[in-house]
Amino acid sequence: MKKGIRNWREFVFLTPSLAGVSVFVFLPFADVVRRSFMNAAGRKFTWSANYQAVVRNPAFRLALGNTGRFLLVCVPLLLVMSLLLANIIHFCSSGAKRQWKFLRNSCLLPLALPVVSLMFVWQMVFHKNGLINTYLNLSQDWLNSSYTFWVFAATFLWKNMGYYVVLWLAGLEAIPGELYEAAVVDGAGVFARFRYVTLPGLRQMTSAAFVLAVTATLKSYRESYLLAGEYPDRSIYMIQHLFHNWFRDMSVEKMSAGAVIVVCIFAVMVWPFRKK
């Protein structure tokens, strides 16, 4: 009986948040799902015609492939590199070295800078007449070739690295120091401590960081738009570019069907981490 009362009270406290999410998220997305089976005017039921048109669209396949490639490259690099840097900062700052503490506190600096300013700097560096080509005496068009993808990936990693370093640091500080001391007494080396103490202790943080990293890659439209424009090189033509063009053409039925497909793919990716 007490458990039922407690659950009822918890539900009452969650009601305002659930109401806001329902009104501003769930109901609009339900309307998107409905429109994905209708024509552009929303008056005629077209069954799966919109989904067939979207899947057969070469631009959609290109955008989906580039977005998947971006996920496969950036998410592992972001998580692994930030974890490595977080371990270095954590164990070096434990000795109260001021320079390491300063580095830890400055990790979020790229996120504090305006995106427009950051992209302007990257354009100055990688433009055809920019700093790299000037100092290396090259004529490579970095922002209008296949190299654009790697420039975009580098900007994404540089901008978001500090945030995930802070996440890993929070997870590392939650691991009891006695576990590392016991591992040292047992003769465990650096890699053994990392494998048998650090990684198990970061299991829950790994799930959260993975979901946040996937979400961040899907929200990186501003960077790609400011870096290469509305019609960038094929290598970084993302889902967001396609939706932007469809919105401009008022292709509501295509946007709705494409959004449902992308959400389903995202749900499949994060479903194994739902309990963690």
C-alpha atoms as a PDB file:
ATOM      1  CA  MET A   1       0.000   0.000   0.000  1.00  0.00           C
ATOM      2  CA  LYS A   2       2.809   2.385   0.901  1.00  0.00           C
ATOM      3  CA  LYS A   3       4.547   1.608  -2.366  1.00  0.00           C
ATOM      4  CA  GLY A   4       1.375   2.454  -4.293  1.00  0.00           C
ATOM      5  CA  ILE A   5       1.026   5.777  -2.440  1.00  0.00           C
ATOM      6  CA  ARG A   6       4.663   6.623  -3.131  1.00  0.00           C
ATOM      7  CA  ASN A   7       4.266   5.868  -6.836  1.00  0.00           C
ATOM      8  CA  TRP A   8       1.122   7.997  -6.929  1.00  0.00           C
ATOM      9  CA  ARG A   9       2.942  10.920  -5.313  1.00  0.00           C
ATOM     10  CA  GLU A  10       5.858  10.590  -7.717  1.00  0.00           C
ATOM     11  CA  PHE A  11       3.424  10.636 -10.618  1.00  0.00           C
ATOM     12  CA  VAL A  12       1.827  13.832  -9.280  1.00  0.00           C
ATOM     13  CA  PHE A  13       5.215  15.564  -9.121  1.00  0.00           C
ATOM     14  CA  LEU A  14       6.015  14.419 -12.668  1.00  0.00           C
ATOM     15  CA  THR A  15       2.677  15.556 -14.096  1.00  0.00           C
ATOM     16  CA  PRO A  16       3.745  19.160 -14.973  1.00  0.00           C
ATOM     17  CA  SER A  17       6.851  17.949 -16.810  1.00  0.00           C
ATOM     18  CA  LEU A  18       4.928  15.187 -18.571  1.00  0.00           C
ATOM     19  CA  ALA A  19       2.273  17.685 -19.621  1.00  0.00           C
ATOM     20  CA  GLY A  20       4.882  20.039 -21.084  1.00  0.00           C
ATOM     21  CA  VAL A  21       6.686  17.246 -22.932  1.00  0.00           C
ATOM     22  CA  SER A  22       3.390  15.895 -24.231  1.00  0.00           C
ATOM     23  CA  VAL A  23       2.221  19.257 -25.543  1.00  0.00           C
ATOM     24  CA  PHE A  24       5.493  20.390 -27.076  1.00  0.00           C
ATOM     25  CA  VAL A  25       7.091  17.052 -28.110  1.00  0.00           C
ATOM     26  CA  PHE A  26       4.812  14.015 -28.198  1.00  0.00           C
ATOM     27  CA  LEU A  27       1.739  15.612 -29.765  1.00  0.00           C
ATOM     28  CA  PRO A  28       3.683  17.439 -32.507  1.00  0.00           C
ATOM     29  CA  PHE A  29       5.571  14.255 -33.355  1.00  0.00           C
ATOM     30  CA  ALA A  30       2.294  12.318 -33.455  1.00  0.00           C
ATOM     31  CA  ASP A  31       1.072  14.874 -35.990  1.00  0.00           C
ATOM     32  CA  VAL A  32       4.306  14.339 -37.972  1.00  0.00           C
ATOM     33  CA  VAL A  33       3.613  10.591 -38.047  1.00  0.00           C
ATOM     34  CA  ARG A  34       0.065  11.284 -39.248  1.00  0.00           C
ATOM     35  CA  ARG A  35       1.288  13.635 -41.965  1.00  0.00           C
ATOM     36  CA  SER A  36       3.816  11.064 -43.155  1.00  0.00           C
ATOM     37  CA  PHE A  37       0.850   9.018 -44.438  1.00  0.00           C
ATOM     38  CA  MET A  38      -0.937  12.006 -46.024  1.00  0.00           C
ATOM     39  CA  ASN A  39      -0.373  14.173 -49.054  1.00  0.00           C
ATOM     40  CA  ALA A  40       1.189  17.639 -48.851  1.00  0.00           C
ATOM     41  CA  ALA A  41      -2.175  19.280 -48.141  1.00  0.00           C
ATOM     42  CA  GLY A  42      -2.948  16.744 -45.414  1.00  0.00           C
ATOM     43  CA  ARG A  43      -6.311  15.800 -46.920  1.00  0.00           C
ATOM     44  CA  LYS A  44      -5.628  12.510 -48.693  1.00  0.00           C
ATOM     45  CA  PHE A  45      -4.329   9.264 -47.193  1.00  0.00           C
ATOM     46  CA  THR A  46      -1.452   7.951 -49.319  1.00  0.00           C
ATOM     47  CA  TRP A  47      -0.469   4.878 -47.281  1.00  0.00           C
ATOM     48  CA  SER A  48       3.286   4.225 -47.755  1.00  0.00           C
ATOM     49  CA  ALA A  49       3.759   6.328 -50.905  1.00  0.00           C
ATOM     50  CA  ASN A  50       5.641   9.037 -49.027  1.00  0.00           C
ATOM     51  CA  TYR A  51       8.043   6.548 -47.484  1.00  0.00           C
ATOM     52  CA  GLN A  52       8.685   4.924 -50.845  1.00  0.00           C
ATOM     53  CA  ALA A  53       9.371   8.318 -52.416  1.00  0.00           C
ATOM     54  CA  VAL A  54      11.785   9.245 -49.625  1.00  0.00           C
ATOM     55  CA  VAL A  55      13.688   5.951 -49.701  1.00  0.00           C
ATOM     56  CA  ARG A  56      14.036   6.105 -53.493  1.00  0.00           C
ATOM     57  CA  ASN A  57      15.241   9.705 -53.376  1.00  0.00           C
ATOM     58  CA  PRO A  58      18.993   9.820 -54.222  1.00  0.00           C
ATOM     59  CA  ALA A  59      19.448  12.945 -52.109  1.00  0.00           C
ATOM     60  CA  PHE A  60      17.977  11.193 -49.073  1.00  0.00           C
ATOM     61  CA  ARG A  61      20.236   8.169 -49.521  1.00  0.00           C
ATOM     62  CA  LEU A  62      23.256  10.442 -49.909  1.00  0.00           C
ATOM     63  CA  ALA A  63      22.337  12.496 -46.838  1.00  0.00           C
ATOM     64  CA  LEU A  64      21.580   9.411 -44.740  1.00  0.00           C
ATOM     65  CA  GLY A  65      24.837   7.771 -45.788  1.00  0.00           C
ATOM     66  CA  ASN A  66      26.886  10.872 -44.973  1.00  0.00           C
ATOM     67  CA  THR A  67      25.140  11.244 -41.617  1.00  0.00           C
ATOM     68  CA  GLY A  68      25.837   7.595 -40.801  1.00  0.00           C
ATOM     69  CA  ARG A  69      29.455   8.003 -41.846  1.00  0.00           C
ATOM     70  CA  PHE A  70      29.754  11.075 -39.669  1.00  0.00           C
ATOM     71  CA  LEU A  71      28.331   9.117 -36.729  1.00  0.00           C
ATOM     72  CA  LEU A  72      30.666   6.168 -37.250  1.00  0.00           C
ATOM     73  CA  VAL A  73      33.732   8.417 -37.442  1.00  0.00           C
ATOM     74  CA  CYS A  74      33.021  11.127 -34.891  1.00  0.00           C
ATOM     75  CA  VAL A  75      31.249   9.278 -32.079  1.00  0.00           C
ATOM     76  CA  PRO A  76      34.034   6.695 -31.431  1.00  0.00           C
ATOM     77  CA  LEU A  77      36.769   9.313 -31.847  1.00  0.00           C
ATOM     78  CA  LEU A  78      34.970  11.750 -29.550  1.00  0.00           C
ATOM     79  CA  LEU A  79      34.396   9.193 -26.799  1.00  0.00           C
ATOM     80  CA  VAL A  80      37.838   7.560 -26.965  1.00  0.00           C
ATOM     81  CA  MET A  81      39.874  10.774 -27.233  1.00  0.00           C
ATOM     82  CA  SER A  82      37.896  12.541 -24.502  1.00  0.00           C
ATOM     83  CA  LEU A  83      38.220   9.492 -22.227  1.00  0.00           C
ATOM     84  CA  LEU A  84      41.978   9.402 -22.752  1.00  0.00           C
ATOM     85  CA  LEU A  85      42.314  13.127 -22.045  1.00  0.00           C
ATOM     86  CA  ALA A  86      40.044  12.859 -18.994  1.00  0.00           C
ATOM     87  CA  ASN A  87      42.191  10.076 -17.536  1.00  0.00           C
ATOM     88  CA  ILE A  88      45.355  12.134 -18.036  1.00  0.00           C
ATOM     89  CA  ILE A  89      43.811  15.214 -16.425  1.00  0.00           C
ATOM     90  CA  HIS A  90      42.255  13.225 -13.565  1.00  0.00           C
ATOM     91  CA  PHE A  91      45.337  11.355 -12.452  1.00  0.00           C
ATOM     92  CA  CYS A  92      47.726  14.262 -13.036  1.00  0.00           C
ATOM     93  CA  SER A  93      45.515  16.777 -11.232  1.00  0.00           C
ATOM     94  CA  SER A  94      45.251  14.445  -8.230  1.00  0.00           C
ATOM     95  CA  GLY A  95      48.730  15.641  -7.330  1.00  0.00           C
ATOM     96  CA  ALA A  96      47.402  19.214  -6.946  1.00  0.00           C
ATOM     97  CA  LYS A  97      49.319  20.528  -9.934  1.00  0.00           C
ATOM     98  CA  ARG A  98      47.912  23.917 -10.832  1.00  0.00           C
ATOM     99  CA  GLN A  99      48.494  23.596 -14.579  1.00  0.00           C
ATOM    100  CA  TRP A 100      46.411  20.420 -14.789  1.00  0.00           C
ATOM    101  CA  LYS A 101      43.616  21.974 -12.766  1.00  0.00           C
ATOM    102  CA  PHE A 102      43.647  24.960 -15.112  1.00  0.00           C
ATOM    103  CA  LEU A 103      43.419  22.590 -18.103  1.00  0.00           C
ATOM    104  CA  ARG A 104      40.503  20.794 -16.487  1.00  0.00           C
ATOM    105  CA  ASN A 105      38.641  24.044 -15.840  1.00  0.00           C
ATOM    106  CA  SER A 106      39.233  25.325 -19.396  1.00  0.00           C
ATOM    107  CA  CYS A 107      37.813  22.237 -21.147  1.00  0.00           C
ATOM    108  CA  LEU A 108      34.462  23.919 -21.734  1.00  0.00           C
ATOM    109  CA  LEU A 109      35.952  27.019 -23.365  1.00  0.00           C
ATOM    110  CA  PRO A 110      35.133  25.972 -26.984  1.00  0.00           C
ATOM    111  CA  LEU A 111      31.470  25.518 -26.026  1.00  0.00           C
ATOM    112  CA  ALA A 112      31.371  29.016 -24.561  1.00  0.00           C
ATOM    113  CA  LEU A 113      32.491  30.627 -27.827  1.00  0.00           C
ATOM    114  CA  PRO A 114      29.872  31.575 -30.474  1.00  0.00           C
ATOM    115  CA  VAL A 115      29.563  29.053 -33.276  1.00  0.00           C
ATOM    116  CA  VAL A 116      29.717  31.778 -35.936  1.00  0.00           C
ATOM    117  CA  SER A 117      33.067  32.990 -34.607  1.00  0.00           C
ATOM    118  CA  LEU A 118      34.480  29.479 -34.506  1.00  0.00           C
ATOM    119  CA  MET A 119      33.434  28.708 -38.067  1.00  0.00           C
ATOM    120  CA  PHE A 120      34.843  32.025 -39.253  1.00  0.00           C
ATOM    121  CA  VAL A 121      38.217  31.053 -37.785  1.00  0.00           C
ATOM    122  CA  TRP A 122      38.103  27.605 -39.387  1.00  0.00           C
ATOM    123  CA  GLN A 123      37.238  29.187 -42.731  1.00  0.00           C
ATOM    124  CA  MET A 124      40.261  31.458 -42.379  1.00  0.00           C
ATOM    125  CA  VAL A 125      42.423  28.399 -41.766  1.00  0.00           C
ATOM    126  CA  PHE A 126      41.055  26.059 -44.452  1.00  0.00           C
ATOM    127  CA  HIS A 127      39.946  28.482 -47.159  1.00  0.00           C
ATOM    128  CA  LYS A 128      41.579  28.134 -50.568  1.00  0.00           C
ATOM    129  CA  ASN A 129      43.446  31.356 -49.811  1.00  0.00           C
ATOM    130  CA  GLY A 130      43.638  30.637 -46.094  1.00  0.00           C
ATOM    131  CA  LEU A 131      46.452  30.154 -43.621  1.00  0.00           C
ATOM    132  CA  ILE A 132      47.297  26.515 -44.406  1.00  0.00           C
ATOM    133  CA  ASN A 133      47.625  27.007 -48.137  1.00  0.00           C
ATOM    134  CA  THR A 134      49.536  30.250 -47.612  1.00  0.00           C
ATOM    135  CA  TYR A 135      52.142  28.874 -45.228  1.00  0.00           C
ATOM    136  CA  LEU A 136      52.504  25.474 -46.924  1.00  0.00           C
ATOM    137  CA  ASN A 137      52.370  26.936 -50.441  1.00  0.00           C
ATOM    138  CA  LEU A 138      49.427  24.740 -51.454  1.00  0.00           C
ATOM    139  CA  SER A 139      46.408  25.308 -53.667  1.00  0.00           C
ATOM    140  CA  GLN A 140      44.048  22.743 -52.164  1.00  0.00           C
ATOM    141  CA  ASP A 141      40.398  23.768 -51.900  1.00  0.00           C
ATOM    142  CA  TRP A 142      39.721  22.201 -48.499  1.00  0.00           C
ATOM    143  CA  LEU A 143      36.108  23.379 -48.187  1.00  0.00           C
ATOM    144  CA  ASN A 144      34.893  22.300 -51.640  1.00  0.00           C
ATOM    145  CA  SER A 145      36.351  18.820 -51.991  1.00  0.00           C
ATOM    146  CA  SER A 146      36.298  15.446 -50.267  1.00  0.00           C
ATOM    147  CA  TYR A 147      38.551  16.946 -47.567  1.00  0.00           C
ATOM    148  CA  THR A 148      35.559  18.950 -46.358  1.00  0.00           C
ATOM    149  CA  PHE A 149      34.276  15.942 -44.429  1.00  0.00           C
ATOM    150  CA  TRP A 150      37.472  15.684 -42.396  1.00  0.00           C
ATOM    151  CA  VAL A 151      37.576  19.429 -41.794  1.00  0.00           C
ATOM    152  CA  PHE A 152      33.993  19.230 -40.547  1.00  0.00           C
ATOM    153  CA  ALA A 153      34.846  16.239 -38.332  1.00  0.00           C
ATOM    154  CA  ALA A 154      37.839  18.085 -36.880  1.00  0.00           C
ATOM    155  CA  THR A 155      35.733  21.147 -36.049  1.00  0.00           C
ATOM    156  CA  PHE A 156      33.089  18.962 -34.411  1.00  0.00           C
ATOM    157  CA  LEU A 157      35.643  17.093 -32.293  1.00  0.00           C
ATOM    158  CA  TRP A 158      37.451  20.258 -31.249  1.00  0.00           C
ATOM    159  CA  LYS A 159      34.231  22.022 -30.258  1.00  0.00           C
ATOM    160  CA  ASN A 160      32.674  19.151 -28.283  1.00  0.00           C
ATOM    161  CA  MET A 161      35.740  17.448 -26.803  1.00  0.00           C
ATOM    162  CA  GLY A 162      35.779  19.462 -23.579  1.00  0.00           C
ATOM    163  CA  TYR A 163      32.162  18.691 -22.689  1.00  0.00           C
ATOM    164  CA  TYR A 164      32.769  14.950 -22.767  1.00  0.00           C
ATOM    165  CA  VAL A 165      36.044  15.343 -20.890  1.00  0.00           C
ATOM    166  CA  VAL A 166      34.010  16.906 -18.086  1.00  0.00           C
ATOM    167  CA  LEU A 167      31.519  14.024 -18.235  1.00  0.00           C
ATOM    168  CA  TRP A 168      34.298  11.443 -17.981  1.00  0.00           C
ATOM    169  CA  LEU A 169      35.918  13.383 -15.134  1.00  0.00           C
ATOM    170  CA  ALA A 170      32.651  13.251 -13.218  1.00  0.00           C
ATOM    171  CA  GLY A 171      32.550   9.484 -13.725  1.00  0.00           C
ATOM    172  CA  LEU A 172      36.199   9.044 -12.737  1.00  0.00           C
ATOM    173  CA  GLU A 173      35.756  11.019  -9.535  1.00  0.00           C
ATOM    174  CA  ALA A 174      32.888   8.711  -8.552  1.00  0.00           C
ATOM    175  CA  ILE A 175      35.163   5.643  -8.633  1.00  0.00           C
ATOM    176  CA  PRO A 176      36.506   4.934  -5.115  1.00  0.00           C
ATOM    177  CA  GLY A 177      40.244   5.447  -4.832  1.00  0.00           C
ATOM    178  CA  GLU A 178      40.489   2.329  -2.667  1.00  0.00           C
ATOM    179  CA  LEU A 179      39.869   0.214  -5.754  1.00  0.00           C
ATOM    180  CA  TYR A 180      42.958   1.626  -7.455  1.00  0.00           C
ATOM    181  CA  GLU A 181      45.005   1.195  -4.286  1.00  0.00           C
ATOM    182  CA  ALA A 182      43.934  -2.429  -3.995  1.00  0.00           C
ATOM    183  CA  ALA A 183      44.757  -3.016  -7.662  1.00  0.00           C
ATOM    184  CA  VAL A 184      48.246  -1.544  -7.154  1.00  0.00           C
ATOM    185  CA  VAL A 185      48.800  -3.804  -4.140  1.00  0.00           C
ATOM    186  CA  ASP A 186      47.786  -6.800  -6.250  1.00  0.00           C
ATOM    187  CA  GLY A 187      50.396  -5.827  -8.829  1.00  0.00           C
ATOM    188  CA  ALA A 188      48.078  -4.440 -11.516  1.00  0.00           C
ATOM    189  CA  GLY A 189      49.717  -2.153 -14.048  1.00  0.00           C
ATOM    190  CA  VAL A 190      48.331   0.954 -15.685  1.00  0.00           C
ATOM    191  CA  PHE A 191      46.459  -0.899 -18.438  1.00  0.00           C
ATOM    192  CA  ALA A 192      45.174  -3.549 -16.028  1.00  0.00           C
ATOM    193  CA  ARG A 193      43.783  -0.862 -13.703  1.00  0.00           C
ATOM    194  CA  PHE A 194      42.166   0.861 -16.651  1.00  0.00           C
ATOM    195  CA  ARG A 195      40.581  -2.375 -17.876  1.00  0.00           C
ATOM    196  CA  TYR A 196      39.411  -3.871 -14.595  1.00  0.00           C
ATOM    197  CA  VAL A 197      38.732  -0.763 -12.483  1.00  0.00           C
ATOM    198  CA  THR A 198      38.166   2.299 -14.681  1.00  0.00           C
ATOM    199  CA  LEU A 199      36.042   0.823 -17.456  1.00  0.00           C
ATOM    200  CA  PRO A 200      33.627  -1.083 -15.151  1.00  0.00           C
ATOM    201  CA  GLY A 201      33.282   2.042 -13.010  1.00  0.00           C
ATOM    202  CA  LEU A 202      32.401   4.124 -16.072  1.00  0.00           C
ATOM    203  CA  ARG A 203      29.755   1.748 -17.432  1.00  0.00           C
ATOM    204  CA  GLN A 204      26.779   3.979 -16.698  1.00  0.00           C
ATOM    205  CA  MET A 205      28.603   7.119 -17.795  1.00  0.00           C
ATOM    206  CA  THR A 206      29.543   5.385 -21.061  1.00  0.00           C
ATOM    207  CA  SER A 207      25.887   4.828 -21.903  1.00  0.00           C
ATOM    208  CA  ALA A 208      24.988   8.455 -21.164  1.00  0.00           C
ATOM    209  CA  ALA A 209      27.986   9.781 -23.096  1.00  0.00           C
ATOM    210  CA  PHE A 210      27.153   7.607 -26.117  1.00  0.00           C
ATOM    211  CA  VAL A 211      23.557   8.820 -26.308  1.00  0.00           C
ATOM    212  CA  LEU A 212      24.654  12.442 -25.895  1.00  0.00           C
ATOM    213  CA  ALA A 213      27.352  12.038 -28.552  1.00  0.00           C
ATOM    214  CA  VAL A 214      24.898  10.599 -31.074  1.00  0.00           C
ATOM    215  CA  THR A 215      22.491  13.438 -30.323  1.00  0.00           C
ATOM    216  CA  ALA A 216      25.270  16.013 -30.729  1.00  0.00           C
ATOM    217  CA  THR A 217      26.237  14.700 -34.157  1.00  0.00           C
ATOM    218  CA  LEU A 218      22.633  14.980 -35.313  1.00  0.00           C
ATOM    219  CA  LYS A 219      22.524  18.597 -34.071  1.00  0.00           C
ATOM    220  CA  SER A 220      25.649  19.767 -35.873  1.00  0.00           C
ATOM    221  CA  TYR A 221      23.849  21.444 -38.775  1.00  0.00           C
ATOM    222  CA  ARG A 222      24.944  24.982 -37.870  1.00  0.00           C
ATOM    223  CA  GLU A 223      28.604  24.056 -38.117  1.00  0.00           C
ATOM    224  CA  SER A 224      28.280  22.401 -41.519  1.00  0.00           C
ATOM    225  CA  TYR A 225      26.073  25.203 -42.855  1.00  0.00           C
ATOM    226  CA  LEU A 226      28.434  27.951 -41.714  1.00  0.00           C
ATOM    227  CA  LEU A 227      31.495  26.025 -42.861  1.00  0.00           C
ATOM    228  CA  ALA A 228      30.439  25.113 -46.396  1.00  0.00           C
ATOM    229  CA  GLY A 229      27.172  26.899 -47.116  1.00  0.00           C
ATOM    230  CA  GLU A 230      23.677  25.778 -48.065  1.00  0.00           C
ATOM    231  CA  TYR A 231      24.860  23.479 -50.874  1.00  0.00           C
ATOM    232  CA  PRO A 232      28.120  21.981 -49.559  1.00  0.00           C
ATOM    233  CA  ASP A 233      30.322  19.303 -51.022  1.00  0.00           C
ATOM    234  CA  ARG A 234      28.713  15.877 -51.386  1.00  0.00           C
ATOM    235  CA  SER A 235      30.845  14.546 -48.538  1.00  0.00           C
ATOM    236  CA  ILE A 236      29.023  16.624 -45.883  1.00  0.00           C
ATOM    237  CA  TYR A 237      25.550  16.831 -47.389  1.00  0.00           C
ATOM    238  CA  MET A 238      23.668  15.782 -44.244  1.00  0.00           C
ATOM    239  CA  ILE A 239      20.081  14.991 -43.334  1.00  0.00           C
ATOM    240  CA  GLN A 240      19.716  18.534 -42.022  1.00  0.00           C
ATOM    241  CA  HIS A 241      20.601  19.985 -45.437  1.00  0.00           C
ATOM    242  CA  LEU A 242      17.979  17.791 -47.058  1.00  0.00           C
ATOM    243  CA  PHE A 243      15.307  18.790 -44.543  1.00  0.00           C
ATOM    244  CA  HIS A 244      16.212  22.438 -45.052  1.00  0.00           C
ATOM    245  CA  ASN A 245      15.682  22.102 -48.804  1.00  0.00           C
ATOM    246  CA  TRP A 246      12.424  20.219 -48.336  1.00  0.00           C
ATOM    247  CA  PHE A 247      11.190  22.860 -45.909  1.00  0.00           C
ATOM    248  CA  ARG A 248      11.999  25.584 -48.426  1.00  0.00           C
ATOM    249  CA  ASP A 249      10.013  23.666 -51.072  1.00  0.00           C
ATOM    250  CA  MET A 250       7.175  23.034 -48.551  1.00  0.00           C
ATOM    251  CA  SER A 251       7.443  19.262 -49.075  1.00  0.00           C
ATOM    252  CA  VAL A 252       5.736  18.517 -45.767  1.00  0.00           C
ATOM    253  CA  GLU A 253       4.973  14.905 -46.623  1.00  0.00           C
ATOM    254  CA  LYS A 254       8.635  14.147 -47.427  1.00  0.00           C
ATOM    255  CA  MET A 255       9.877  15.896 -44.307  1.00  0.00           C
ATOM    256  CA  SER A 256       7.425  13.952 -42.155  1.00  0.00           C
ATOM    257  CA  ALA A 257       8.301  10.562 -43.628  1.00  0.00           C
ATOM    258  CA  GLY A 258      12.033  11.325 -43.474  1.00  0.00           C
ATOM    259  CA  ALA A 259      11.760  12.473 -39.863  1.00  0.00           C
ATOM    260  CA  VAL A 260       9.984   9.260 -38.848  1.00  0.00           C
ATOM    261  CA  ILE A 261      12.675   7.164 -40.549  1.00  0.00           C
ATOM    262  CA  VAL A 262      15.491   9.072 -38.827  1.00  0.00           C
ATOM    263  CA  VAL A 263      13.805   8.841 -35.413  1.00  0.00           C
ATOM    264  CA  CYS A 264      13.329   5.085 -35.848  1.00  0.00           C
ATOM    265  CA  ILE A 265      17.009   4.661 -36.714  1.00  0.00           C
ATOM    266  CA  PHE A 266      18.003   6.766 -33.699  1.00  0.00           C
ATOM    267  CA  ALA A 267      15.707   4.738 -31.430  1.00  0.00           C
ATOM    268  CA  VAL A 268      17.274   1.479 -32.611  1.00  0.00           C
ATOM    269  CA  MET A 269      20.747   2.854 -31.887  1.00  0.00           C
ATOM    270  CA  VAL A 270      20.011   3.985 -28.322  1.00  0.00           C
ATOM    271  CA  TRP A 271      17.566   1.199 -27.370  1.00  0.00           C
ATOM    272  CA  PRO A 272      20.265  -1.105 -25.872  1.00  0.00           C
ATOM    273  CA  PHE A 273      21.269   1.728 -23.517  1.00  0.00           C
ATOM    274  CA  ARG A 274      17.752   2.546 -22.271  1.00  0.00           C
ATOM    275  CA  LYS A 275      18.231   0.902 -18.819  1.00  0.00           C
ATOM    276  CA  LYS A 276      21.714   2.301 -18.227  1.00  0.00           C
END
